Amino acid sequence: MNIRRLRPTTALVGAAALGLTTLTACSSHTGDGRTDGKLDVVASFYPMQFLAQRIGGDAVHVSSLTKPGVEPHDLEISPRQTADLSEAGLVVYLKGLQPSVDRAIAQAEPRHVADAASYTTLEDHGTEVEGDHEHGGEGEAGHEGEEGHEGHAHSGDAAADPHIWLDPVRYAQVAEGVGKALAKADPDHAATYKKNTTALVKELNTLDQDFRSGLKGRSSDTFITTHAAFGYLAERYGLRQEAISGLDPESEPSPARVKGLHAIAKKDKVNTVFFETLVSDRTARTLAGDLHLRTDVLDPVEGIGSKSKGDDYIQVMRANLKALQKALGAK
């Protein structure tokens, strides 16, 4: 399913600050998967790029297929990018999220590939009968209503939710897998990759603990968001996600879904409707206006742009925690 979303005109803002290069800018390919003496790592989109940069450090040269500020579902791979993939020392991607990337990797057959989905478990955060609003404790998946994760058939499994990076625990599992893949692709720097992986996993574990402690004492478990991306986060911290329009925030929710959200907001004491930085906020603001609720940003961290509330994954996730604390009445 090809999800179309609004593309901001500021897509390239911050590229230099993030240390990004394009695949075509690699000036010193040696034919052995290296650029200027460093392992050439290609990441499919920002969460994979973040891992490669943090774990690889100075030993790697990281390029991203998805430019800053661009919604990754929209990505189409050019023939030149496909050819460059075959020259990479390692490709880090999330199989099933970007079909064009999956096809390009199959065609290019890179030397080494790290598939984030293979390092953790993907789960069904699928649809439920609208009106079934029984709450669960910590460990239950968020609910999305009739238009929840329909369209999540990125990997051929209609129930598979690819947004594993929004759960710091699963993201740490992926980090460990990427660290091992880097060590396999570049054994000379294995000790560096192991050290950097340990440091990053520790940081992600701290983030997890901060979410756990920061969301204690909340007055509500339910949050309403445009994009049904937060099922793993909701599951991890005992929250309940209610998405307006499923995966595609540009689609119009059905009248039944809008009616259901009105009832949910009233019953669960919802005071905020969340929207995102990379897509239009029109539907979220309309719903919030109808319900006399406030709006705020809950960022799925699919990319970092000029409107992101932070310069990297950790900072944006901490901004998400603050937004959830305010919306759910925590502390």
Protein backbone atom coordinates (compact mmCIF):
# COMPACT_ATOMS: atom_id res chain seq x y z
CA MET A 1 0.00 0.00 0.00
CA ASN A 2 1.49 3.35 -1.00
CA ILE A 3 0.61 5.93 1.61
CA ARG A 4 0.66 9.50 0.36
CA ARG A 5 1.28 12.39 2.73
CA LEU A 6 2.08 16.07 2.51
CA ARG A 7 5.73 16.79 1.89
CA PRO A 8 7.01 19.92 3.66
CA THR A 9 8.98 22.50 1.70
CA THR A 10 11.54 22.50 4.50
CA ALA A 11 12.49 18.87 3.88
CA LEU A 12 16.19 19.57 3.48
CA VAL A 13 16.56 21.91 6.47
CA GLY A 14 19.06 20.59 8.93
CA ALA A 15 20.70 18.08 6.60
CA ALA A 16 24.15 19.48 7.13
CA ALA A 17 23.72 19.60 10.89
CA LEU A 18 22.73 15.95 10.92
CA GLY A 19 25.85 14.97 9.02
CA LEU A 20 23.88 13.51 6.12
CA THR A 21 25.25 12.74 2.70
CA THR A 22 23.46 11.51 -0.35
CA LEU A 23 24.32 8.24 -1.98
CA THR A 24 25.54 10.03 -5.08
CA ALA A 25 27.87 12.23 -3.03
CA CYS A 26 30.17 9.34 -2.08
CA SER A 27 33.34 10.47 -3.80
CA SER A 28 35.87 7.79 -2.87
CA HIS A 29 34.26 4.39 -3.37
CA THR A 30 36.95 1.71 -3.39
CA GLY A 31 34.72 -1.17 -4.45
CA ASP A 32 35.00 -2.88 -1.07
CA GLY A 33 32.08 -1.16 0.64
CA ARG A 34 34.12 1.76 1.95
CA THR A 35 34.10 5.49 1.41
CA ASP A 36 37.22 7.51 2.22
CA GLY A 37 38.50 4.56 4.23
CA LYS A 38 35.32 4.20 6.33
CA LEU A 39 32.64 1.52 6.11
CA ASP A 40 29.91 2.80 3.80
CA VAL A 41 26.60 2.29 5.61
CA VAL A 42 23.29 3.05 3.90
CA ALA A 43 20.23 3.56 6.14
CA SER A 44 16.71 3.40 4.77
CA PHE A 45 15.23 6.16 6.95
CA TYR A 46 15.96 8.17 10.08
CA PRO A 47 15.54 5.60 12.92
CA MET A 48 17.94 3.27 11.11
CA GLN A 49 20.32 6.15 10.34
CA PHE A 50 20.37 7.16 14.02
CA LEU A 51 21.44 3.66 15.06
CA ALA A 52 24.12 3.45 12.39
CA GLN A 53 25.58 6.83 13.30
CA ARG A 54 25.54 6.31 17.05
CA ILE A 55 26.95 2.77 16.93
CA GLY A 56 29.30 3.27 14.00
CA GLY A 57 30.77 6.55 15.19
CA ASP A 58 33.90 7.68 13.39
CA ALA A 59 34.43 4.27 11.81
CA VAL A 60 31.53 4.60 9.38
CA HIS A 61 30.23 6.83 6.64
CA VAL A 62 26.41 6.91 6.87
CA SER A 63 24.06 7.96 4.08
CA SER A 64 20.27 7.91 4.17
CA LEU A 65 17.87 6.96 1.41
CA THR A 66 15.17 9.19 2.94
CA LYS A 67 16.01 12.90 3.08
CA PRO A 68 15.41 14.86 6.33
CA GLY A 69 11.83 15.94 6.82
CA VAL A 70 10.41 13.60 4.15
CA GLU A 71 7.74 11.09 5.15
CA PRO A 72 9.44 7.70 4.60
CA HIS A 73 6.37 5.84 3.29
CA ASP A 74 6.50 8.03 0.17
CA LEU A 75 10.05 7.08 -0.77
CA GLU A 76 10.72 5.81 -4.28
CA ILE A 77 14.19 4.48 -5.07
CA SER A 78 15.96 5.65 -8.23
CA PRO A 79 17.97 3.28 -10.45
CA ARG A 80 21.14 5.10 -9.36
CA GLN A 81 20.33 4.57 -5.67
CA THR A 82 19.71 0.89 -6.37
CA ALA A 83 23.12 0.63 -8.03
CA ASP A 84 24.76 2.41 -5.10
CA LEU A 85 23.18 -0.05 -2.67
CA SER A 86 25.23 -2.82 -4.26
CA GLU A 87 28.40 -0.89 -3.39
CA ALA A 88 27.51 -0.35 0.29
CA GLY A 89 29.39 -2.14 3.02
CA LEU A 90 26.18 -2.49 5.05
CA VAL A 91 22.53 -1.59 4.46
CA VAL A 92 20.39 -0.99 7.56
CA TYR A 93 16.64 -1.03 6.93
CA LEU A 94 13.28 -2.13 8.30
CA LYS A 95 11.79 -4.73 6.00
CA GLY A 96 8.15 -4.08 5.22
CA LEU A 97 8.05 -0.34 5.96
CA GLN A 98 9.19 0.95 2.57
CA PRO A 99 8.32 -1.41 -0.30
CA SER A 100 10.57 0.43 -2.76
CA VAL A 101 13.55 -0.15 -0.45
CA ASP A 102 12.73 -3.85 -0.13
CA ARG A 103 12.63 -4.21 -3.91
CA ALA A 104 15.86 -2.26 -4.39
CA ILE A 105 17.72 -4.38 -1.83
CA ALA A 106 16.52 -7.59 -3.45
CA GLN A 107 17.77 -6.31 -6.79
CA ALA A 108 21.08 -4.84 -5.58
CA GLU A 109 22.06 -7.74 -3.29
CA PRO A 110 24.35 -5.72 -0.95
CA ARG A 111 27.30 -7.40 0.78
CA HIS A 112 25.79 -7.14 4.24
CA VAL A 113 22.22 -6.31 5.28
CA ALA A 114 20.79 -5.55 8.73
CA ASP A 115 16.99 -5.92 8.84
CA ALA A 116 15.66 -4.28 11.99
CA ALA A 117 12.53 -6.43 11.91
CA SER A 118 14.64 -9.55 12.37
CA TYR A 119 16.09 -8.36 15.70
CA THR A 120 12.80 -8.04 17.59
CA THR A 121 9.15 -9.10 17.31
CA LEU A 122 6.45 -7.43 15.23
CA GLU A 123 2.95 -7.62 16.62
CA ASP A 124 -0.67 -7.21 15.63
CA HIS A 125 -2.00 -3.86 16.74
CA GLY A 126 -4.95 -4.31 14.43
CA THR A 127 -8.54 -3.28 14.37
CA GLU A 128 -11.22 -3.94 16.92
CA VAL A 129 -14.95 -3.51 16.80
CA GLU A 130 -15.70 0.14 17.30
CA GLY A 131 -17.33 0.73 20.62
CA ASP A 132 -15.31 -1.96 22.41
CA HIS A 133 -13.47 0.26 24.83
CA GLU A 134 -12.54 -2.07 27.64
CA HIS A 135 -9.33 -0.93 29.29
CA GLY A 136 -6.35 -3.09 29.98
CA GLY A 137 -3.36 -2.74 32.20
CA GLU A 138 0.27 -2.31 31.27
CA GLY A 139 1.24 -4.69 28.52
CA GLU A 140 -1.98 -4.43 26.51
CA ALA A 141 -1.83 -3.05 23.03
CA GLY A 142 -3.45 0.27 22.16
CA HIS A 143 -6.77 0.19 20.34
CA GLU A 144 -7.31 1.94 17.07
CA GLY A 145 -10.99 1.44 16.28
CA GLU A 146 -12.43 0.53 12.93
CA GLU A 147 -9.76 2.31 10.91
CA GLY A 148 -6.80 1.47 13.09
CA HIS A 149 -3.96 -0.44 11.47
CA GLU A 150 -5.75 -1.30 8.28
CA GLY A 151 -3.20 -0.72 5.57
CA HIS A 152 -0.26 -1.96 7.65
CA ALA A 153 0.26 -4.69 5.11
CA HIS A 154 3.76 -3.42 4.33
CA SER A 155 5.37 -6.84 4.74
CA GLY A 156 2.54 -8.92 3.35
CA ASP A 157 1.02 -9.37 6.81
CA ALA A 158 -1.98 -7.10 7.18
CA ALA A 159 -1.63 -7.16 10.95
CA ALA A 160 2.10 -6.38 11.15
CA ASP A 161 2.91 -3.04 12.78
CA PRO A 162 6.39 -1.85 11.75
CA HIS A 163 6.75 1.06 14.21
CA ILE A 164 9.06 -0.84 16.57
CA TRP A 165 11.41 2.11 17.15
CA LEU A 166 8.75 3.92 19.21
CA ASP A 167 9.22 1.33 21.94
CA PRO A 168 12.65 2.04 23.52
CA VAL A 169 12.94 -1.60 24.64
CA ARG A 170 12.43 -3.00 21.15
CA TYR A 171 14.62 -0.27 19.70
CA ALA A 172 17.40 -1.34 22.06
CA GLN A 173 17.04 -4.90 20.74
CA VAL A 174 17.41 -3.56 17.22
CA ALA A 175 20.47 -1.54 18.29
CA GLU A 176 22.14 -4.73 19.50
CA GLY A 177 21.41 -6.41 16.18
CA VAL A 178 22.79 -3.49 14.19
CA GLY A 179 25.92 -3.48 16.34
CA LYS A 180 26.55 -7.14 15.54
CA ALA A 181 25.90 -6.53 11.85
CA LEU A 182 28.45 -3.70 11.82
CA ALA A 183 31.00 -5.93 13.53
CA LYS A 184 30.42 -8.66 10.93
CA ALA A 185 30.77 -6.21 8.05
CA ASP A 186 33.83 -4.53 9.57
CA PRO A 187 35.62 -6.86 12.03
CA ASP A 188 38.55 -4.46 12.47
CA HIS A 189 36.31 -2.10 14.45
CA ALA A 190 34.25 -4.72 16.26
CA ALA A 191 35.39 -3.50 19.69
CA THR A 192 34.30 0.05 18.87
CA TYR A 193 30.89 -1.11 17.70
CA LYS A 194 30.41 -3.22 20.81
CA LYS A 195 31.34 -0.33 23.10
CA ASN A 196 29.04 2.11 21.28
CA THR A 197 26.18 -0.39 21.24
CA THR A 198 26.46 -0.89 25.00
CA ALA A 199 26.38 2.87 25.57
CA LEU A 200 23.36 3.38 23.32
CA VAL A 201 21.41 0.48 24.84
CA LYS A 202 22.05 1.95 28.28
CA GLU A 203 20.69 5.30 27.08
CA LEU A 204 17.59 3.62 25.63
CA ASN A 205 17.03 1.70 28.86
CA THR A 206 17.16 5.00 30.74
CA LEU A 207 14.62 6.44 28.31
CA ASP A 208 12.36 3.45 28.98
CA GLN A 209 12.61 3.95 32.74
CA ASP A 210 11.87 7.65 32.34
CA PHE A 211 8.70 6.83 30.41
CA ARG A 212 7.65 4.35 33.08
CA SER A 213 8.20 6.74 35.98
CA GLY A 214 7.04 9.80 34.08
CA LEU A 215 3.64 8.34 33.22
CA LYS A 216 2.79 7.19 36.73
CA GLY A 217 -0.15 8.78 38.50
CA ARG A 218 -1.87 9.72 35.25
CA SER A 219 -5.59 10.47 35.23
CA SER A 220 -6.25 8.86 31.82
CA ASP A 221 -4.72 6.12 29.69
CA THR A 222 -6.21 7.22 26.36
CA PHE A 223 -4.69 9.49 23.74
CA ILE A 224 -6.02 10.44 20.31
CA THR A 225 -3.56 10.79 17.43
CA THR A 226 -3.66 11.25 13.68
CA HIS A 227 -1.34 8.39 12.80
CA ALA A 228 -1.74 4.87 14.17
CA ALA A 229 1.99 4.64 14.85
CA PHE A 230 2.06 4.34 18.62
CA GLY A 231 0.79 0.83 19.24
CA TYR A 232 4.12 -0.44 20.61
CA LEU A 233 4.54 2.61 22.84
CA ALA A 234 0.98 2.22 24.12
CA GLU A 235 1.54 -1.47 24.76
CA ARG A 236 4.80 -0.89 26.64
CA TYR A 237 3.39 1.70 29.04
CA GLY A 238 -0.20 0.55 29.48
CA LEU A 239 -1.71 3.30 27.33
CA ARG A 240 -4.47 3.21 24.76
CA GLN A 241 -4.04 4.70 21.31
CA GLU A 242 -7.04 5.95 19.34
CA ALA A 243 -6.12 6.90 15.76
CA ILE A 244 -8.26 9.25 13.70
CA SER A 245 -7.46 7.93 10.24
CA GLY A 246 -5.23 4.90 10.62
CA LEU A 247 -1.98 4.97 8.67
CA ASP A 248 -2.97 7.71 6.24
CA PRO A 249 -3.58 10.99 8.08
CA GLU A 250 -4.65 12.67 4.85
CA SER A 251 -7.70 10.42 4.51
CA GLU A 252 -11.03 11.46 5.93
CA PRO A 253 -12.28 9.46 8.92
CA SER A 254 -15.71 7.91 8.53
CA PRO A 255 -18.68 9.53 10.28
CA ALA A 256 -18.88 6.44 12.50
CA ARG A 257 -15.25 6.87 13.50
CA VAL A 258 -15.73 10.54 14.34
CA LYS A 259 -18.79 9.68 16.43
CA GLY A 260 -16.80 6.97 18.18
CA LEU A 261 -13.97 9.37 18.97
CA HIS A 262 -16.44 11.85 20.47
CA ALA A 263 -17.70 9.13 22.80
CA ILE A 264 -14.17 7.98 23.67
CA ALA A 265 -12.98 11.50 24.44
CA LYS A 266 -15.88 12.07 26.81
CA LYS A 267 -15.71 8.69 28.53
CA ASP A 268 -11.91 8.62 28.97
CA LYS A 269 -11.43 12.29 29.86
CA VAL A 270 -9.30 13.02 26.81
CA ASN A 271 -8.17 16.65 26.68
CA THR A 272 -5.73 16.62 23.74
CA VAL A 273 -5.73 15.59 20.09
CA PHE A 274 -2.21 14.92 18.80
CA PHE A 275 -0.90 15.65 15.32
CA GLU A 276 2.53 15.26 13.69
CA THR A 277 5.31 17.39 12.22
CA LEU A 278 5.57 15.73 8.79
CA VAL A 279 1.88 15.71 7.85
CA SER A 280 -1.07 18.08 7.72
CA ASP A 281 -2.73 18.88 11.06
CA ARG A 282 -6.06 19.77 9.44
CA THR A 283 -8.06 16.69 10.48
CA ALA A 284 -6.70 16.70 14.02
CA ARG A 285 -7.47 20.39 14.50
CA THR A 286 -10.98 19.95 13.11
CA LEU A 287 -11.70 17.12 15.52
CA ALA A 288 -10.17 19.05 18.43
CA GLY A 289 -12.30 22.07 17.58
CA ASP A 290 -15.47 19.99 17.48
CA LEU A 291 -14.63 18.49 20.89
CA HIS A 292 -13.28 21.73 22.38
CA LEU A 293 -9.94 20.03 23.08
CA ARG A 294 -6.37 21.30 22.81
CA THR A 295 -3.87 20.09 20.22
CA ASP A 296 -0.23 19.12 20.58
CA VAL A 297 2.50 17.23 18.73
CA LEU A 298 3.19 13.52 19.24
CA ASP A 299 6.03 12.74 16.87
CA PRO A 300 6.44 9.23 15.37
CA VAL A 301 10.13 10.12 14.80
CA GLU A 302 10.08 8.91 11.22
CA GLY A 303 12.39 11.78 10.34
CA ILE A 304 13.97 14.90 11.81
CA GLY A 305 13.04 18.23 10.26
CA SER A 306 12.94 21.91 11.08
CA LYS A 307 9.73 21.47 13.09
CA SER A 308 10.95 18.53 15.16
CA LYS A 309 11.11 19.13 18.90
CA GLY A 310 14.68 17.97 19.16
CA ASP A 311 17.76 17.23 17.10
CA ASP A 312 17.74 13.44 17.41
CA TYR A 313 15.67 10.42 18.42
CA ILE A 314 16.33 10.73 22.15
CA GLN A 315 15.41 14.41 22.31
CA VAL A 316 12.21 13.97 20.29
CA MET A 317 11.13 10.98 22.38
CA ARG A 318 11.63 13.03 25.55
CA ALA A 319 9.47 15.75 24.01
CA ASN A 320 6.85 13.07 23.33
CA LEU A 321 7.00 12.02 26.98
CA LYS A 322 6.37 15.59 28.14
CA ALA A 323 3.43 15.90 25.73
CA LEU A 324 1.92 12.64 27.00
CA GLN A 325 2.43 13.64 30.63
CA LYS A 326 0.52 16.85 30.03
CA ALA A 327 -2.25 15.19 28.04
CA LEU A 328 -2.73 12.28 30.43
CA GLY A 329 -2.46 14.25 33.66
CA ALA A 330 0.70 12.54 34.85
CA LYS A 331 2.43 14.31 37.74
